[in-house]
PDB file of N, CA and C in Angstrom:
ATOM      1  N   MET A   1      19.589 204.032 189.206  1.00  0.00           N
ATOM      2  CA  MET A   1      20.712 204.953 189.376  1.00  0.00           C
ATOM      3  C   MET A   1      21.974 204.203 189.774  1.00  0.00           C
ATOM      4  N   TYR A   2      21.882 203.285 190.721  1.00  0.00           N
ATOM      5  CA  TYR A   2      23.069 202.532 191.179  1.00  0.00           C
ATOM      6  C   TYR A   2      23.237 201.248 190.435  1.00  0.00           C
ATOM      7  N   ARG A   3      22.341 200.887 189.563  1.00  0.00           N
ATOM      8  CA  ARG A   3      22.418 199.596 188.853  1.00  0.00           C
ATOM      9  C   ARG A   3      23.722 199.433 188.052  1.00  0.00           C
ATOM     10  N   PRO A   4      24.219 200.414 187.284  1.00  0.00           N
ATOM     11  CA  PRO A   4      25.469 200.223 186.565  1.00  0.00           C
ATOM     12  C   PRO A   4      26.655 199.949 187.494  1.00  0.00           C
ATOM     13  N   PHE A   5      26.675 200.590 188.649  1.00  0.00           N
ATOM     14  CA  PHE A   5      27.782 200.349 189.596  1.00  0.00           C
ATOM     15  C   PHE A   5      27.690 198.951 190.180  1.00  0.00           C
ATOM     16  N   ILE A   6      26.494 198.497 190.477  1.00  0.00           N
ATOM     17  CA  ILE A   6      26.322 197.139 191.060  1.00  0.00           C
ATOM     18  C   ILE A   6      26.746 196.097 190.008  1.00  0.00           C
ATOM     19  N   CYS A   7      26.368 196.302 188.746  1.00  0.00           N
ATOM     20  CA  CYS A   7      26.762 195.339 187.693  1.00  0.00           C
ATOM     21  C   CYS A   7      28.263 195.351 187.496  1.00  0.00           C
ATOM     22  N   PHE A   8      28.880 196.540 187.550  1.00  0.00           N
ATOM     23  CA  PHE A   8      30.348 196.648 187.397  1.00  0.00           C
ATOM     24  C   PHE A   8      31.055 195.870 188.496  1.00  0.00           C
ATOM     25  N   PHE A   9      30.673 196.091 189.753  1.00  0.00           N
ATOM     26  CA  PHE A   9      31.327 195.418 190.820  1.00  0.00           C
ATOM     27  C   PHE A   9      31.057 193.912 190.846  1.00  0.00           C
ATOM     28  N   ALA A  10      29.893 193.522 190.439  1.00  0.00           N
ATOM     29  CA  ALA A  10      29.566 192.054 190.343  1.00  0.00           C
ATOM     30  C   ALA A  10      30.461 191.415 189.296  1.00  0.00           C
ATOM     31  N   CYS A  11      30.625 192.049 188.134  1.00  0.00           N
ATOM     32  CA  CYS A  11      31.493 191.514 187.090  1.00  0.00           C
ATOM     33  C   CYS A  11      32.957 191.481 187.559  1.00  0.00           C
ATOM     34  N   LEU A  12      33.379 192.499 188.274  1.00  0.00           N
ATOM     35  CA  LEU A  12      34.753 192.556 188.775  1.00  0.00           C
ATOM     36  C   LEU A  12      35.008 191.416 189.768  1.00  0.00           C
ATOM     37  N   ILE A  13      34.101 191.174 190.660  1.00  0.00           N
ATOM     38  CA  ILE A  13      34.272 190.113 191.619  1.00  0.00           C
ATOM     39  C   ILE A  13      34.277 188.757 190.957  1.00  0.00           C
ATOM     40  N   LEU A  14      33.387 188.515 190.008  1.00  0.00           N
ATOM     41  CA  LEU A  14      33.329 187.234 189.296  1.00  0.00           C
ATOM     42  C   LEU A  14      34.559 187.012 188.472  1.00  0.00           C
ATOM     43  N   SER A  15      35.114 188.066 187.858  1.00  0.00           N
ATOM     44  CA  SER A  15      36.323 187.843 187.040  1.00  0.00           C
ATOM     45  C   SER A  15      37.547 187.530 187.927  1.00  0.00           C
ATOM     46  N   ILE A  16      37.605 188.057 189.095  1.00  0.00           N
ATOM     47  CA  ILE A  16      38.686 187.687 190.046  1.00  0.00           C
ATOM     48  C   ILE A  16      38.614 186.227 190.417  1.00  0.00           C
ATOM     49  N   ALA A  17      37.414 185.687 190.622  1.00  0.00           N
ATOM     50  CA  ALA A  17      37.263 184.268 190.938  1.00  0.00           C
ATOM     51  C   ALA A  17      37.699 183.396 189.793  1.00  0.00           C
ATOM     52  N   VAL A  18      37.439 183.803 188.595  1.00  0.00           N
ATOM     53  CA  VAL A  18      37.883 183.033 187.421  1.00  0.00           C
ATOM     54  C   VAL A  18      39.392 183.024 187.271  1.00  0.00           C
ATOM     55  N   ILE A  19      40.005 184.122 187.523  1.00  0.00           N
ATOM     56  CA  ILE A  19      41.476 184.220 187.379  1.00  0.00           C
ATOM     57  C   ILE A  19      42.156 183.325 188.411  1.00  0.00           C
ATOM     58  N   ALA A  20      41.567 183.128 189.575  1.00  0.00           N
ATOM     59  CA  ALA A  20      42.183 182.326 190.645  1.00  0.00           C
ATOM     60  C   ALA A  20      42.268 180.856 190.349  1.00  0.00           C
ATOM     61  N   GLN A  21      41.495 180.372 189.354  1.00  0.00           N
ATOM     62  CA  GLN A  21      41.485 178.940 189.059  1.00  0.00           C
ATOM     63  C   GLN A  21      42.702 178.607 188.209  1.00  0.00           C
ATOM     64  N   LEU A  22      43.437 177.591 188.604  1.00  0.00           N
ATOM     65  CA  LEU A  22      44.614 177.167 187.889  1.00  0.00           C
ATOM     66  C   LEU A  22      44.390 175.841 187.202  1.00  0.00           C
ATOM     67  N   PRO A  23      45.037 175.636 186.064  1.00  0.00           N
ATOM     68  CA  PRO A  23      44.855 174.352 185.357  1.00  0.00           C
ATOM     69  C   PRO A  23      45.814 173.295 185.857  1.00  0.00           C
ATOM     70  N   THR A  24      45.729 172.970 187.148  1.00  0.00           N
ATOM     71  CA  THR A  24      46.584 171.936 187.724  1.00  0.00           C
ATOM     72  C   THR A  24      45.753 170.888 188.394  1.00  0.00           C
ATOM     73  N   SER A  25      46.388 169.788 188.758  1.00  0.00           N
ATOM     74  CA  SER A  25      45.696 168.671 189.361  1.00  0.00           C
ATOM     75  C   SER A  25      46.534 168.121 190.514  1.00  0.00           C
ATOM     76  N   THR A  26      45.914 167.257 191.277  1.00  0.00           N
ATOM     77  CA  THR A  26      46.597 166.567 192.406  1.00  0.00           C
ATOM     78  C   THR A  26      46.421 165.044 192.201  1.00  0.00           C
ATOM     79  N   LEU A  27      47.495 164.346 192.490  1.00  0.00           N
ATOM     80  CA  LEU A  27      47.445 162.859 192.421  1.00  0.00           C
ATOM     81  C   LEU A  27      47.720 162.315 193.789  1.00  0.00           C
ATOM     82  N   ASN A  28      46.824 161.519 194.313  1.00  0.00           N
ATOM     83  CA  ASN A  28      46.956 160.852 195.635  1.00  0.00           C
ATOM     84  C   ASN A  28      46.989 159.350 195.438  1.00  0.00           C
ATOM     85  N   GLY A  29      47.649 158.665 196.350  1.00  0.00           N
ATOM     86  CA  GLY A  29      47.632 157.221 196.279  1.00  0.00           C
ATOM     87  C   GLY A  29      48.185 156.585 197.547  1.00  0.00           C
ATOM     88  N   THR A  30      48.139 155.287 197.587  1.00  0.00           N
ATOM     89  CA  THR A  30      48.675 154.510 198.740  1.00  0.00           C
ATOM     90  C   THR A  30      49.501 153.367 198.186  1.00  0.00           C
ATOM     91  N   ILE A  31      50.709 153.209 198.752  1.00  0.00           N
ATOM     92  CA  ILE A  31      51.584 152.108 198.363  1.00  0.00           C
ATOM     93  C   ILE A  31      51.346 150.964 199.349  1.00  0.00           C
ATOM     94  N   THR A  32      51.046 149.773 198.803  1.00  0.00           N
ATOM     95  CA  THR A  32      50.857 148.585 199.620  1.00  0.00           C
ATOM     96  C   THR A  32      51.707 147.456 199.120  1.00  0.00           C
ATOM     97  N   ASP A  33      51.994 146.479 199.993  1.00  0.00           N
ATOM     98  CA  ASP A  33      52.726 145.269 199.588  1.00  0.00           C
ATOM     99  C   ASP A  33      51.742 144.239 199.077  1.00  0.00           C
ATOM    100  N   PRO A  34      52.196 143.123 198.584  1.00  0.00           N
ATOM    101  CA  PRO A  34      51.276 142.083 198.042  1.00  0.00           C
ATOM    102  C   PRO A  34      50.201 141.607 199.032  1.00  0.00           C
ATOM    103  N   GLN A  35      50.440 141.701 200.294  1.00  0.00           N
ATOM    104  CA  GLN A  35      49.435 141.274 201.292  1.00  0.00           C
ATOM    105  C   GLN A  35      48.448 142.422 201.593  1.00  0.00           C
ATOM    106  N   GLY A  36      48.674 143.593 201.053  1.00  0.00           N
ATOM    107  CA  GLY A  36      47.797 144.708 201.296  1.00  0.00           C
ATOM    108  C   GLY A  36      48.180 145.635 202.421  1.00  0.00           C
ATOM    109  N   ALA A  37      49.314 145.389 203.059  1.00  0.00           N
ATOM    110  CA  ALA A  37      49.789 146.233 204.159  1.00  0.00           C
ATOM    111  C   ALA A  37      50.420 147.497 203.576  1.00  0.00           C
ATOM    112  N   ALA A  38      50.216 148.608 204.259  1.00  0.00           N
ATOM    113  CA  ALA A  38      50.795 149.877 203.801  1.00  0.00           C
ATOM    114  C   ALA A  38      52.333 149.858 203.900  1.00  0.00           C
ATOM    115  N   VAL A  39      52.953 150.523 202.924  1.00  0.00           N
ATOM    116  CA  VAL A  39      54.424 150.584 202.923  1.00  0.00           C
ATOM    117  C   VAL A  39      54.800 152.015 203.299  1.00  0.00           C
ATOM    118  N   ALA A  40      55.307 152.158 204.475  1.00  0.00           N
ATOM    119  CA  ALA A  40      55.761 153.469 204.975  1.00  0.00           C
ATOM    120  C   ALA A  40      57.128 153.805 204.469  1.00  0.00           C
ATOM    121  N   SER A  41      57.410 155.098 204.276  1.00  0.00           N
ATOM    122  CA  SER A  41      58.709 155.616 203.863  1.00  0.00           C
ATOM    123  C   SER A  41      59.161 155.093 202.462  1.00  0.00           C
ATOM    124  N   ALA A  42      58.212 154.755 201.637  1.00  0.00           N
ATOM    125  CA  ALA A  42      58.560 154.352 200.248  1.00  0.00           C
ATOM    126  C   ALA A  42      58.809 155.617 199.434  1.00  0.00           C
ATOM    127  N   LYS A  43      59.798 155.585 198.569  1.00  0.00           N
ATOM    128  CA  LYS A  43      60.074 156.709 197.690  1.00  0.00           C
ATOM    129  C   LYS A  43      59.189 156.557 196.425  1.00  0.00           C
ATOM    130  N   VAL A  44      58.466 157.616 196.096  1.00  0.00           N
ATOM    131  CA  VAL A  44      57.584 157.654 194.959  1.00  0.00           C
ATOM    132  C   VAL A  44      58.041 158.809 194.046  1.00  0.00           C
ATOM    133  N   THR A  45      58.265 158.474 192.760  1.00  0.00           N
ATOM    134  CA  THR A  45      58.717 159.520 191.788  1.00  0.00           C
ATOM    135  C   THR A  45      57.686 159.644 190.692  1.00  0.00           C
ATOM    136  N   ILE A  46      57.399 160.872 190.366  1.00  0.00           N
ATOM    137  CA  ILE A  46      56.499 161.173 189.233  1.00  0.00           C
ATOM    138  C   ILE A  46      57.298 161.953 188.218  1.00  0.00           C
ATOM    139  N   THR A  47      57.220 161.597 186.933  1.00  0.00           N
ATOM    140  CA  THR A  47      57.945 162.270 185.865  1.00  0.00           C
ATOM    141  C   THR A  47      57.036 162.692 184.763  1.00  0.00           C
ATOM    142  N   ASN A  48      57.118 163.959 184.404  1.00  0.00           N
ATOM    143  CA  ASN A  48      56.364 164.477 183.263  1.00  0.00           C
ATOM    144  C   ASN A  48      57.065 164.027 181.991  1.00  0.00           C
ATOM    145  N   GLU A  49      56.396 163.274 181.160  1.00  0.00           N
ATOM    146  CA  GLU A  49      56.994 162.680 179.972  1.00  0.00           C
ATOM    147  C   GLU A  49      57.414 163.748 178.946  1.00  0.00           C
ATOM    148  N   ALA A  50      56.698 164.848 178.827  1.00  0.00           N
ATOM    149  CA  ALA A  50      56.986 165.896 177.882  1.00  0.00           C
ATOM    150  C   ALA A  50      58.197 166.724 178.260  1.00  0.00           C
ATOM    151  N   THR A  51      58.376 166.990 179.564  1.00  0.00           N
ATOM    152  CA  THR A  51      59.437 167.859 180.020  1.00  0.00           C
ATOM    153  C   THR A  51      60.561 167.146 180.722  1.00  0.00           C
ATOM    154  N   SER A  52      60.355 165.896 181.096  1.00  0.00           N
ATOM    155  CA  SER A  52      61.318 165.077 181.840  1.00  0.00           C
ATOM    156  C   SER A  52      61.559 165.610 183.257  1.00  0.00           C
ATOM    157  N   VAL A  53      60.707 166.480 183.720  1.00  0.00           N
ATOM    158  CA  VAL A  53      60.823 166.998 185.083  1.00  0.00           C
ATOM    159  C   VAL A  53      60.250 165.979 186.054  1.00  0.00           C
ATOM    160  N   SER A  54      61.044 165.656 187.081  1.00  0.00           N
ATOM    161  CA  SER A  54      60.619 164.673 188.087  1.00  0.00           C
ATOM    162  C   SER A  54      60.484 165.267 189.454  1.00  0.00           C
ATOM    163  N   ARG A  55      59.602 164.736 190.255  1.00  0.00           N
ATOM    164  CA  ARG A  55      59.453 165.071 191.672  1.00  0.00           C
ATOM    165  C   ARG A  55      59.399 163.787 192.472  1.00  0.00           C
ATOM    166  N   GLU A  56      60.035 163.801 193.618  1.00  0.00           N
ATOM    167  CA  GLU A  56      60.094 162.623 194.478  1.00  0.00           C
ATOM    168  C   GLU A  56      59.560 162.964 195.855  1.00  0.00           C
ATOM    169  N   ILE A  57      58.764 162.055 196.387  1.00  0.00           N
ATOM    170  CA  ILE A  57      58.269 162.219 197.786  1.00  0.00           C
ATOM    171  C   ILE A  57      58.395 160.883 198.482  1.00  0.00           C
ATOM    172  N   THR A  58      58.147 160.889 199.783  1.00  0.00           N
ATOM    173  CA  THR A  58      58.197 159.686 200.589  1.00  0.00           C
ATOM    174  C   THR A  58      56.824 159.488 201.197  1.00  0.00           C
ATOM    175  N   THR A  59      56.344 158.246 201.185  1.00  0.00           N
ATOM    176  CA  THR A  59      55.032 157.936 201.760  1.00  0.00           C
ATOM    177  C   THR A  59      55.049 158.147 203.265  1.00  0.00           C
ATOM    178  N   ASP A  60      53.866 158.433 203.809  1.00  0.00           N
ATOM    179  CA  ASP A  60      53.756 158.590 205.270  1.00  0.00           C
ATOM    180  C   ASP A  60      53.607 157.198 205.936  1.00  0.00           C
ATOM    181  N   ALA A  61      53.297 157.182 207.215  1.00  0.00           N
ATOM    182  CA  ALA A  61      53.199 155.916 207.960  1.00  0.00           C
ATOM    183  C   ALA A  61      52.134 154.998 207.449  1.00  0.00           C
ATOM    184  N   GLN A  62      51.097 155.543 206.781  1.00  0.00           N
ATOM    185  CA  GLN A  62      50.026 154.735 206.214  1.00  0.00           C
ATOM    186  C   GLN A  62      50.243 154.413 204.728  1.00  0.00           C
ATOM    187  N   GLY A  63      51.415 154.733 204.196  1.00  0.00           N
ATOM    188  CA  GLY A  63      51.753 154.486 202.809  1.00  0.00           C
ATOM    189  C   GLY A  63      51.168 155.484 201.844  1.00  0.00           C
ATOM    190  N   PHE A  64      50.623 156.602 202.348  1.00  0.00           N
ATOM    191  CA  PHE A  64      49.933 157.589 201.532  1.00  0.00           C
ATOM    192  C   PHE A  64      50.905 158.591 200.933  1.00  0.00           C
ATOM    193  N   TYR A  65      50.632 159.004 199.685  1.00  0.00           N
ATOM    194  CA  TYR A  65      51.443 160.063 199.065  1.00  0.00           C
ATOM    195  C   TYR A  65      50.531 161.027 198.303  1.00  0.00           C
ATOM    196  N   THR A  66      51.003 162.259 198.089  1.00  0.00           N
ATOM    197  CA  THR A  66      50.267 163.287 197.333  1.00  0.00           C
ATOM    198  C   THR A  66      51.248 164.088 196.472  1.00  0.00           C
ATOM    199  N   PHE A  67      50.907 164.212 195.205  1.00  0.00           N
ATOM    200  CA  PHE A  67      51.608 165.111 194.316  1.00  0.00           C
ATOM    201  C   PHE A  67      50.608 166.194 193.953  1.00  0.00           C
ATOM    202  N   ALA A  68      50.893 167.441 194.362  1.00  0.00           N
ATOM    203  CA  ALA A  68      49.982 168.554 194.103  1.00  0.00           C
ATOM    204  C   ALA A  68      50.571 169.433 192.989  1.00  0.00           C
ATOM    205  N   ASN A  69      49.685 170.276 192.393  1.00  0.00           N
ATOM    206  CA  ASN A  69      50.034 171.223 191.374  1.00  0.00           C
ATOM    207  C   ASN A  69      50.672 170.594 190.115  1.00  0.00           C
ATOM    208  N   LEU A  70      50.124 169.496 189.655  1.00  0.00           N
ATOM    209  CA  LEU A  70      50.596 168.878 188.431  1.00  0.00           C
ATOM    210  C   LEU A  70      49.951 169.535 187.237  1.00  0.00           C
ATOM    211  N   VAL A  71      50.761 169.973 186.271  1.00  0.00           N
ATOM    212  CA  VAL A  71      50.199 170.553 185.046  1.00  0.00           C
ATOM    213  C   VAL A  71      49.691 169.410 184.158  1.00  0.00           C
ATOM    214  N   PRO A  72      48.749 169.690 183.295  1.00  0.00           N
ATOM    215  CA  PRO A  72      48.234 168.661 182.409  1.00  0.00           C
ATOM    216  C   PRO A  72      49.344 167.999 181.598  1.00  0.00           C
ATOM    217  N   GLY A  73      49.294 166.690 181.446  1.00  0.00           N
ATOM    218  CA  GLY A  73      50.282 166.017 180.660  1.00  0.00           C
ATOM    219  C   GLY A  73      50.274 164.523 180.952  1.00  0.00           C
ATOM    220  N   LEU A  74      51.214 163.832 180.317  1.00  0.00           N
ATOM    221  CA  LEU A  74      51.403 162.408 180.537  1.00  0.00           C
ATOM    222  C   LEU A  74      52.525 162.177 181.538  1.00  0.00           C
ATOM    223  N   TYR A  75      52.260 161.325 182.550  1.00  0.00           N
ATOM    224  CA  TYR A  75      53.201 161.154 183.643  1.00  0.00           C
ATOM    225  C   TYR A  75      53.529 159.666 183.820  1.00  0.00           C
ATOM    226  N   THR A  76      54.713 159.409 184.312  1.00  0.00           N
ATOM    227  CA  THR A  76      55.130 158.081 184.737  1.00  0.00           C
ATOM    228  C   THR A  76      55.316 158.100 186.248  1.00  0.00           C
ATOM    229  N   LEU A  77      54.749 157.094 186.948  1.00  0.00           N
ATOM    230  CA  LEU A  77      54.847 157.028 188.398  1.00  0.00           C
ATOM    231  C   LEU A  77      55.646 155.792 188.734  1.00  0.00           C
ATOM    232  N   LYS A  78      56.665 155.918 189.555  1.00  0.00           N
ATOM    233  CA  LYS A  78      57.501 154.780 189.964  1.00  0.00           C
ATOM    234  C   LYS A  78      57.665 154.803 191.477  1.00  0.00           C
TER     235      LYS A  78
END
């Protein structure tokens, strides 16, 4: 008797989880000098080759950087 309702709500919950997934990626890295020491406060720029859209960030004290929510594509990192 309740089986159709249970199936309906299960499908509804699963479809919401699928919609929440986005086709983006994150790029992390660390900037170091030739001796391997971290470079703090370095400016890092990523450019989408197809759209020419650029984003710039500054590394933290350990030389670490993160670019989040990158759409699929070819990028140049400087």
